[in-house]
Amino acid sequence: MPLDELWQGGPRIAQAETVFRLGSDSVLLAHFASGIRAKRALDLGCGSGVIALSLAFQNKNLHVDAIDISEAAVKLTAQNAAVNGLSDRISAVCGDIRRHRELLGAGGYDLVVTNPPYFAASRGKAAGSPEMALARGECACGLSDILQAAAYLVRWGGSFAAVYRPERLSELLCNMTAVGIEPKRLRMVQYKAGSEPNMVLVEGRRGGRTGLKIEPPLIMANADGSDTDEIKKIYRR
């Protein structure tokens, strides 16, 4: 199976047609969360393991658990961890996030990250397989399910980070507050300066005080379509 390199000398990723493919949203979330101090992290809905791999690759003292309802995704995450020599610091388990209390320990993580399904079950483009349908839409697990799991699994004072659709930002922030994860940092992602945001990155803290920092937007491309300096830095180009 061919491998894609995230950046020169960086993690190598095998992909599969039945598992949600590598995208800029996962790469940008991993970068956004990489500065959060943590020794144990959890990736909810890991797909091919891009976020887990990126975090573990950048933090040599970090252990990352990864969970996904798709057996194919879990196998691919484990395979990618092995290819990159990270099997000792990345553990993947197949399971339904809604059964998190049965699968994982309460408050066991300093950081929980997720690139969740963006679309309600009745919306979004049709997926090509049942596995892709689970990754794209909320047919098996909704936003409230994910946040309830995150609140149970992250320790008091620990962090939660997610990438989501801007049009559902209000829903995300309200659900975070409802489960006791206070939004603390927010950054919009735009393709070009002046364009509408197409992603939003959010960090919250379990039991945190109110106070949300709005960071300058992350601009992906210059006016001529070339990568911005920040994108070059993130992808180490």
Protein backbone atom coordinates (compact mmCIF):
# COMPACT_ATOMS: atom_id res chain seq x y z
CA MET A 1 0.00 0.00 0.00
CA PRO A 2 1.52 3.39 -1.01
CA LEU A 3 2.37 5.87 1.73
CA ASP A 4 1.76 9.63 1.75
CA GLU A 5 4.27 11.77 3.66
CA LEU A 6 2.72 14.62 5.66
CA TRP A 7 5.94 16.58 5.28
CA GLN A 8 9.49 15.70 4.30
CA GLY A 9 10.84 13.46 7.03
CA GLY A 10 7.47 13.47 8.81
CA PRO A 11 4.83 10.81 9.45
CA ARG A 12 3.99 8.48 6.58
CA ILE A 13 0.31 7.66 6.12
CA ALA A 14 -1.28 4.69 4.38
CA GLN A 15 -4.83 5.36 3.23
CA ALA A 16 -7.77 3.20 2.18
CA GLU A 17 -10.91 3.76 0.13
CA THR A 18 -13.15 2.69 3.04
CA VAL A 19 -11.52 5.03 5.59
CA PHE A 20 -11.90 8.81 5.63
CA ARG A 21 -8.90 10.17 3.76
CA LEU A 22 -6.24 12.60 4.86
CA GLY A 23 -7.45 16.19 4.70
CA SER A 24 -6.27 19.63 5.71
CA ASP A 25 -8.79 19.69 8.58
CA SER A 26 -6.97 16.90 10.44
CA VAL A 27 -3.55 18.41 9.75
CA LEU A 28 -4.63 21.86 10.95
CA LEU A 29 -6.29 20.44 14.07
CA ALA A 30 -3.12 18.54 14.98
CA HIS A 31 -1.11 21.74 14.56
CA PHE A 32 -3.67 23.73 16.58
CA ALA A 33 -3.52 21.20 19.43
CA SER A 34 0.23 20.55 19.33
CA GLY A 35 1.01 23.40 21.73
CA ILE A 36 -1.30 22.04 24.45
CA ARG A 37 0.72 20.43 27.24
CA ALA A 38 -0.24 16.79 27.66
CA LYS A 39 1.20 13.38 28.49
CA ARG A 40 -1.88 11.36 27.54
CA ALA A 41 -4.20 12.23 24.67
CA LEU A 42 -7.24 10.64 23.04
CA ASP A 43 -8.41 10.93 19.43
CA LEU A 44 -12.18 10.41 19.19
CA GLY A 45 -13.03 9.04 15.74
CA CYS A 46 -9.46 8.48 14.60
CA GLY A 47 -9.96 7.48 10.95
CA SER A 48 -6.53 6.60 9.53
CA GLY A 49 -4.80 8.03 12.61
CA VAL A 50 -3.51 11.27 11.10
CA ILE A 51 -4.12 13.39 14.21
CA ALA A 52 -2.75 10.77 16.60
CA LEU A 53 0.34 10.29 14.47
CA SER A 54 0.98 14.01 14.10
CA LEU A 55 0.63 14.68 17.83
CA ALA A 56 2.84 11.74 18.83
CA PHE A 57 5.42 12.60 16.18
CA GLN A 58 5.72 16.18 17.43
CA ASN A 59 5.66 15.37 21.17
CA LYS A 60 8.07 12.59 22.07
CA ASN A 61 6.62 12.28 25.60
CA LEU A 62 3.00 11.90 24.50
CA HIS A 63 0.99 8.68 24.46
CA VAL A 64 -2.14 8.78 22.27
CA ASP A 65 -5.12 6.44 22.43
CA ALA A 66 -7.35 6.37 19.35
CA ILE A 67 -10.90 5.09 19.03
CA ASP A 68 -13.16 4.54 16.04
CA ILE A 69 -16.32 2.54 15.39
CA SER A 70 -14.83 1.31 12.09
CA GLU A 71 -12.64 -1.81 12.31
CA ALA A 72 -10.96 -0.79 9.04
CA ALA A 73 -10.03 2.60 10.53
CA VAL A 74 -8.60 1.07 13.70
CA LYS A 75 -6.53 -1.45 11.72
CA LEU A 76 -5.22 1.34 9.49
CA THR A 77 -4.33 3.52 12.49
CA ALA A 78 -2.41 0.62 14.05
CA GLN A 79 -0.67 -0.05 10.74
CA ASN A 80 0.31 3.61 10.37
CA ALA A 81 1.61 3.70 13.93
CA ALA A 82 3.79 0.66 13.20
CA VAL A 83 5.12 2.09 9.92
CA ASN A 84 6.25 5.21 11.81
CA GLY A 85 7.74 3.33 14.76
CA LEU A 86 5.06 4.65 17.13
CA SER A 87 3.27 1.45 18.16
CA ASP A 88 4.57 1.89 21.70
CA ARG A 89 2.93 5.34 21.99
CA ILE A 90 -0.24 4.99 19.90
CA SER A 91 -2.95 2.49 20.87
CA ALA A 92 -6.07 2.03 18.72
CA VAL A 93 -9.33 0.45 19.87
CA CYS A 94 -12.52 -0.32 17.96
CA GLY A 95 -15.62 0.86 19.78
CA ASP A 96 -18.72 3.03 19.81
CA ILE A 97 -18.00 6.44 21.37
CA ARG A 98 -21.47 6.35 22.91
CA ARG A 99 -20.24 3.43 25.07
CA HIS A 100 -17.22 5.40 26.29
CA ARG A 101 -17.88 4.57 29.97
CA GLU A 102 -17.45 0.88 29.20
CA LEU A 103 -14.36 1.31 27.04
CA LEU A 104 -12.18 3.97 28.67
CA GLY A 105 -11.49 5.36 32.13
CA ALA A 106 -12.96 8.59 33.47
CA GLY A 107 -10.61 11.57 33.50
CA GLY A 108 -7.75 9.56 32.03
CA TYR A 109 -6.59 12.14 29.50
CA ASP A 110 -4.94 15.55 29.53
CA LEU A 111 -6.17 16.22 25.99
CA VAL A 112 -9.06 14.94 23.88
CA VAL A 113 -9.17 15.83 20.17
CA THR A 114 -11.74 15.16 17.48
CA ASN A 115 -12.43 15.76 13.82
CA PRO A 116 -16.09 14.71 14.07
CA PRO A 117 -18.74 14.09 11.40
CA TYR A 118 -19.72 17.51 10.06
CA PHE A 119 -23.19 16.81 8.73
CA ALA A 120 -26.49 15.85 10.29
CA ALA A 121 -27.65 12.40 9.17
CA SER A 122 -30.05 13.86 6.58
CA ARG A 123 -27.58 16.36 5.12
CA GLY A 124 -24.31 16.43 3.23
CA LYS A 125 -23.15 14.55 0.18
CA ALA A 126 -23.88 10.85 -0.16
CA ALA A 127 -20.99 8.69 1.04
CA GLY A 128 -19.55 5.90 -1.05
CA SER A 129 -19.57 3.24 1.68
CA PRO A 130 -21.10 2.62 5.13
CA GLU A 131 -17.73 3.45 6.71
CA MET A 132 -17.53 6.77 4.87
CA ALA A 133 -21.11 7.54 5.85
CA LEU A 134 -20.10 7.15 9.52
CA ALA A 135 -17.14 9.48 9.03
CA ARG A 136 -19.08 12.21 7.19
CA GLY A 137 -22.49 12.17 8.86
CA GLU A 138 -24.03 11.81 12.29
CA CYS A 139 -25.77 8.53 11.47
CA ALA A 140 -24.13 6.70 14.40
CA CYS A 141 -22.78 9.45 16.67
CA GLY A 142 -23.87 13.07 17.05
CA LEU A 143 -22.05 16.12 18.34
CA SER A 144 -23.65 15.85 21.78
CA ASP A 145 -22.50 12.20 22.04
CA ILE A 146 -18.93 13.20 21.24
CA LEU A 147 -18.88 16.04 23.75
CA GLN A 148 -20.40 13.91 26.50
CA ALA A 149 -17.63 11.39 25.89
CA ALA A 150 -14.97 14.11 25.88
CA ALA A 151 -16.23 15.58 29.16
CA TYR A 152 -16.13 12.16 30.82
CA LEU A 153 -12.71 11.19 29.51
CA VAL A 154 -10.69 14.41 29.90
CA ARG A 155 -9.41 15.23 33.36
CA TRP A 156 -10.56 18.31 35.30
CA GLY A 157 -8.52 21.19 33.92
CA GLY A 158 -7.64 19.18 30.80
CA SER A 159 -8.19 20.36 27.25
CA PHE A 160 -10.49 19.50 24.37
CA ALA A 161 -9.80 20.53 20.76
CA ALA A 162 -11.94 20.13 17.65
CA VAL A 163 -12.24 21.20 14.03
CA TYR A 164 -15.75 21.85 12.77
CA ARG A 165 -17.95 23.63 10.24
CA PRO A 166 -18.39 27.40 10.83
CA GLU A 167 -22.15 27.21 10.25
CA ARG A 168 -22.42 24.85 13.24
CA LEU A 169 -20.16 26.88 15.52
CA SER A 170 -22.98 28.01 17.82
CA GLU A 171 -24.06 24.40 18.26
CA LEU A 172 -20.49 23.35 19.08
CA LEU A 173 -19.89 26.09 21.65
CA CYS A 174 -23.27 25.61 23.33
CA ASN A 175 -22.76 21.85 23.60
CA MET A 176 -19.26 22.33 25.01
CA THR A 177 -20.55 24.64 27.73
CA ALA A 178 -23.44 22.30 28.50
CA VAL A 179 -21.07 19.41 29.36
CA GLY A 180 -18.68 21.57 31.38
CA ILE A 181 -16.01 22.23 28.74
CA GLU A 182 -15.55 25.98 28.59
CA PRO A 183 -14.51 27.37 25.18
CA LYS A 184 -11.17 29.14 25.60
CA ARG A 185 -9.62 29.60 22.12
CA LEU A 186 -11.12 29.91 18.64
CA ARG A 187 -9.57 30.33 15.21
CA MET A 188 -11.32 30.53 11.86
CA VAL A 189 -9.69 29.00 8.76
CA GLN A 190 -10.08 30.76 5.41
CA TYR A 191 -8.83 29.70 1.99
CA LYS A 192 -7.89 33.30 1.12
CA ALA A 193 -8.04 36.64 2.92
CA GLY A 194 -11.53 38.05 2.52
CA SER A 195 -13.15 34.67 1.79
CA GLU A 196 -15.72 33.10 4.08
CA PRO A 197 -14.32 30.68 6.69
CA ASN A 198 -14.55 27.02 5.72
CA MET A 199 -13.35 25.56 9.03
CA VAL A 200 -13.18 26.56 12.65
CA LEU A 201 -10.70 25.35 15.28
CA VAL A 202 -11.80 25.43 18.92
CA GLU A 203 -10.07 24.61 22.20
CA GLY A 204 -11.92 24.23 25.50
CA ARG A 205 -11.00 23.42 29.08
CA ARG A 206 -12.82 21.03 31.39
CA GLY A 207 -14.08 23.13 34.30
CA GLY A 208 -12.44 26.27 32.90
CA ARG A 209 -13.48 29.83 33.67
CA THR A 210 -15.32 31.90 31.10
CA GLY A 211 -13.20 33.88 28.68
CA LEU A 212 -12.78 33.11 24.98
CA LYS A 213 -9.74 34.23 22.98
CA ILE A 214 -10.40 34.86 19.28
CA GLU A 215 -7.19 34.38 17.31
CA PRO A 216 -6.46 35.92 13.89
CA PRO A 217 -7.77 33.75 11.06
CA LEU A 218 -5.53 31.12 9.51
CA ILE A 219 -5.23 32.00 5.82
CA MET A 220 -4.32 29.04 3.61
CA ALA A 221 -3.53 30.68 0.26
CA ASN A 222 -2.22 33.99 -1.04
CA ALA A 223 -4.09 35.97 -3.69
CA ASP A 224 -2.23 34.07 -6.44
CA GLY A 225 -3.19 30.69 -4.97
CA SER A 226 0.25 29.90 -3.51
CA ASP A 227 0.63 28.68 0.06
CA THR A 228 0.89 31.32 2.77
CA ASP A 229 3.98 31.35 4.96
CA GLU A 230 1.99 29.85 7.84
CA ILE A 231 0.76 26.92 5.73
CA LYS A 232 4.33 26.33 4.52
CA LYS A 233 5.42 26.24 8.16
CA ILE A 234 2.64 23.83 9.18
CA TYR A 235 3.41 21.47 6.29
CA ARG A 236 7.18 22.17 6.61
CA ARG A 237 7.50 23.02 2.92
